[in-house]
Amino acid sequence: MEIERWERSEDISDAEKKVIQETWSRVYANCEDVGVSILIRFFVNFPSAKQYFSQFQHMEDPLEMERSLQLRKHARRVMTAINTVVENLNDSEKVSSVLALVGKAHALKHKVEPIYFKKLTGVMLEVIAEEYANDFTPEAHSAWTKMRTLIYTHVTAAYKEVGWAQ
């Protein structure tokens, strides 16, 4: 199975898990603001992603996006899902389960192309690295790069499982 092969080749070490969890604890303390920053940058950099959000797909102004209650609500949902993954890094079944639910919902219900997860997690790393520069050491960057791959790999595996075809 692809996920198992990935876990063997890109395993996140215990030290890296600790770095991710320590970095995340500071990020998650400002969960809504950081989540909003991530989504705004995501939508500014990849405006085609807004097509999946009827509530704010026509917003162009980042300040208008920042004030959107729907965008804030979605930012909290994204950050909560990532928090669940981070809190459960030592429980691979829980991580797989959470990310499978996210992947299946986005594939079946929302019809989101899976490439947007790669783009979103890239933006997430950019924002965290900028807003928490003192915490984002080279070791943290390496660990978070593995975390990004873990998220994308598990989510896209769920797309394959449900027979995603665009």
Protein backbone atom coordinates (compact mmCIF):
# COMPACT_ATOMS: atom_id res chain seq x y z
CA MET A 1 0.00 0.00 0.00
CA GLU A 2 1.33 3.45 -0.93
CA ILE A 3 0.88 4.97 2.54
CA GLU A 4 2.88 2.19 4.20
CA ARG A 5 5.72 2.62 1.71
CA TRP A 6 5.69 6.37 2.36
CA GLU A 7 5.76 5.88 6.13
CA ARG A 8 8.84 3.67 5.84
CA SER A 9 10.71 6.09 3.61
CA GLU A 10 9.60 9.38 5.18
CA ASP A 11 9.06 8.44 8.80
CA ILE A 12 8.84 11.38 11.17
CA SER A 13 11.25 10.69 14.01
CA ASP A 14 10.32 11.17 17.65
CA ALA A 15 12.57 14.24 17.79
CA GLU A 16 10.85 15.69 14.71
CA LYS A 17 7.41 14.98 16.20
CA LYS A 18 8.46 16.89 19.30
CA VAL A 19 9.68 19.83 17.19
CA ILE A 20 6.38 19.86 15.26
CA GLN A 21 4.33 19.71 18.45
CA GLU A 22 6.37 22.45 20.16
CA THR A 23 6.18 24.75 17.14
CA TRP A 24 2.49 24.01 16.70
CA SER A 25 1.67 24.79 20.33
CA ARG A 26 2.80 28.38 19.74
CA VAL A 27 1.00 28.59 16.38
CA TYR A 28 -2.21 27.08 17.72
CA ALA A 29 -2.30 29.60 20.57
CA ASN A 30 -3.26 32.08 17.80
CA CYS A 31 -5.26 29.51 15.86
CA GLU A 32 -7.89 31.71 14.24
CA ASP A 33 -5.57 34.56 13.24
CA VAL A 34 -2.94 32.22 11.82
CA GLY A 35 -5.60 30.18 10.03
CA VAL A 36 -7.08 33.31 8.49
CA SER A 37 -3.60 34.45 7.39
CA ILE A 38 -3.00 31.06 5.78
CA LEU A 39 -6.33 31.05 3.92
CA ILE A 40 -5.99 34.65 2.74
CA ARG A 41 -2.51 34.01 1.34
CA PHE A 42 -3.76 30.76 -0.19
CA PHE A 43 -6.64 32.53 -1.95
CA VAL A 44 -4.46 35.46 -3.05
CA ASN A 45 -1.76 33.13 -4.43
CA PHE A 46 -4.23 30.59 -5.86
CA PRO A 47 -7.45 32.48 -6.65
CA SER A 48 -8.85 29.45 -8.50
CA ALA A 49 -9.19 27.76 -5.09
CA LYS A 50 -12.00 30.19 -4.23
CA GLN A 51 -14.29 28.44 -6.71
CA TYR A 52 -15.05 25.87 -3.99
CA PHE A 53 -16.35 28.50 -1.57
CA SER A 54 -19.59 30.13 -2.64
CA GLN A 55 -19.60 32.35 0.46
CA PHE A 56 -16.40 34.19 -0.43
CA GLN A 57 -15.42 33.17 -3.95
CA HIS A 58 -15.98 36.69 -5.32
CA MET A 59 -13.92 38.47 -2.66
CA GLU A 60 -10.72 39.97 -4.03
CA ASP A 61 -9.71 42.26 -1.15
CA PRO A 62 -7.70 40.52 1.59
CA LEU A 63 -9.26 42.86 4.20
CA GLU A 64 -12.73 41.82 3.09
CA MET A 65 -11.66 38.18 3.33
CA GLU A 66 -10.26 38.79 6.81
CA ARG A 67 -13.63 40.11 7.97
CA SER A 68 -15.59 37.22 6.43
CA LEU A 69 -17.20 35.11 9.15
CA GLN A 70 -17.37 32.15 6.76
CA LEU A 71 -13.66 32.37 6.00
CA ARG A 72 -12.89 32.62 9.73
CA LYS A 73 -15.08 29.58 10.40
CA HIS A 74 -13.29 27.57 7.72
CA ALA A 75 -9.91 28.72 9.06
CA ARG A 76 -10.85 27.36 12.50
CA ARG A 77 -11.90 24.06 10.92
CA VAL A 78 -8.60 23.74 9.03
CA MET A 79 -6.56 24.59 12.11
CA THR A 80 -8.55 22.19 14.28
CA ALA A 81 -7.96 19.35 11.81
CA ILE A 82 -4.23 20.07 11.73
CA ASN A 83 -4.23 20.27 15.52
CA THR A 84 -5.82 16.83 15.74
CA VAL A 85 -3.11 15.43 13.47
CA VAL A 86 -0.33 17.12 15.44
CA GLU A 87 -1.73 15.95 18.79
CA ASN A 88 -1.89 12.38 17.48
CA LEU A 89 1.44 12.11 15.68
CA ASN A 90 2.27 9.10 17.83
CA ASP A 91 -0.93 7.34 16.77
CA SER A 92 -0.62 6.63 13.05
CA GLU A 93 -4.08 5.05 12.87
CA LYS A 94 -5.70 8.19 14.27
CA VAL A 95 -3.71 10.39 11.87
CA SER A 96 -4.77 8.20 8.93
CA SER A 97 -8.38 8.23 10.07
CA VAL A 98 -8.58 12.02 10.48
CA LEU A 99 -6.90 12.73 7.15
CA ALA A 100 -9.02 10.07 5.38
CA LEU A 101 -12.16 11.85 6.60
CA VAL A 102 -10.81 15.17 5.35
CA GLY A 103 -9.82 13.67 2.01
CA LYS A 104 -13.10 11.85 1.45
CA ALA A 105 -15.20 14.90 2.35
CA HIS A 106 -13.23 17.10 -0.02
CA ALA A 107 -13.32 14.51 -2.81
CA LEU A 108 -16.96 13.43 -2.57
CA LYS A 109 -18.84 16.36 -1.06
CA HIS A 110 -16.82 19.42 -2.05
CA LYS A 111 -15.21 18.07 -5.27
CA VAL A 112 -11.91 19.83 -4.52
CA GLU A 113 -8.98 18.88 -6.72
CA PRO A 114 -6.34 17.18 -4.53
CA ILE A 115 -3.51 19.45 -5.77
CA TYR A 116 -4.99 22.22 -3.63
CA PHE A 117 -3.90 20.33 -0.51
CA LYS A 118 -0.29 20.48 -1.69
CA LYS A 119 -0.68 24.19 -2.37
CA LEU A 120 -2.42 24.87 0.96
CA THR A 121 0.16 22.99 3.02
CA GLY A 122 2.93 24.89 1.20
CA VAL A 123 1.28 28.19 2.10
CA MET A 124 0.83 26.94 5.66
CA LEU A 125 4.60 26.36 5.96
CA GLU A 126 5.35 29.81 4.49
CA VAL A 127 3.06 31.59 6.95
CA ILE A 128 4.30 29.64 9.97
CA ALA A 129 7.93 30.21 8.95
CA GLU A 130 7.34 33.95 8.63
CA GLU A 131 5.13 34.52 11.66
CA TYR A 132 7.17 32.23 13.93
CA ALA A 133 10.63 32.81 12.45
CA ASN A 134 12.40 32.37 15.80
CA ASP A 135 10.81 28.93 16.24
CA PHE A 136 11.22 27.85 12.64
CA THR A 137 14.76 26.53 12.76
CA PRO A 138 16.19 24.41 9.94
CA GLU A 139 15.24 21.36 12.04
CA ALA A 140 11.67 22.64 12.36
CA HIS A 141 11.50 23.33 8.63
CA SER A 142 12.66 19.80 7.86
CA ALA A 143 10.17 18.27 10.30
CA TRP A 144 7.30 20.40 8.99
CA THR A 145 8.20 19.47 5.41
CA LYS A 146 7.70 15.83 6.40
CA MET A 147 4.44 16.81 8.11
CA ARG A 148 3.29 18.52 4.91
CA THR A 149 4.05 15.35 2.95
CA LEU A 150 2.25 13.23 5.54
CA ILE A 151 -0.90 15.36 5.22
CA TYR A 152 -0.85 15.40 1.43
CA THR A 153 -0.08 11.68 1.11
CA HIS A 154 -2.87 10.60 3.44
CA VAL A 155 -5.43 12.98 1.95
CA THR A 156 -4.66 11.93 -1.62
CA ALA A 157 -4.78 8.26 -0.60
CA ALA A 158 -8.36 8.89 0.48
CA TYR A 159 -9.10 10.42 -2.92
CA LYS A 160 -7.75 7.29 -4.62
CA GLU A 161 -9.76 5.08 -2.24
CA VAL A 162 -13.04 6.73 -3.28
CA GLY A 163 -12.11 6.52 -6.96
CA TRP A 164 -11.57 10.23 -7.55
CA ALA A 165 -11.66 11.07 -11.21
CA GLN A 166 -11.63 14.61 -12.50
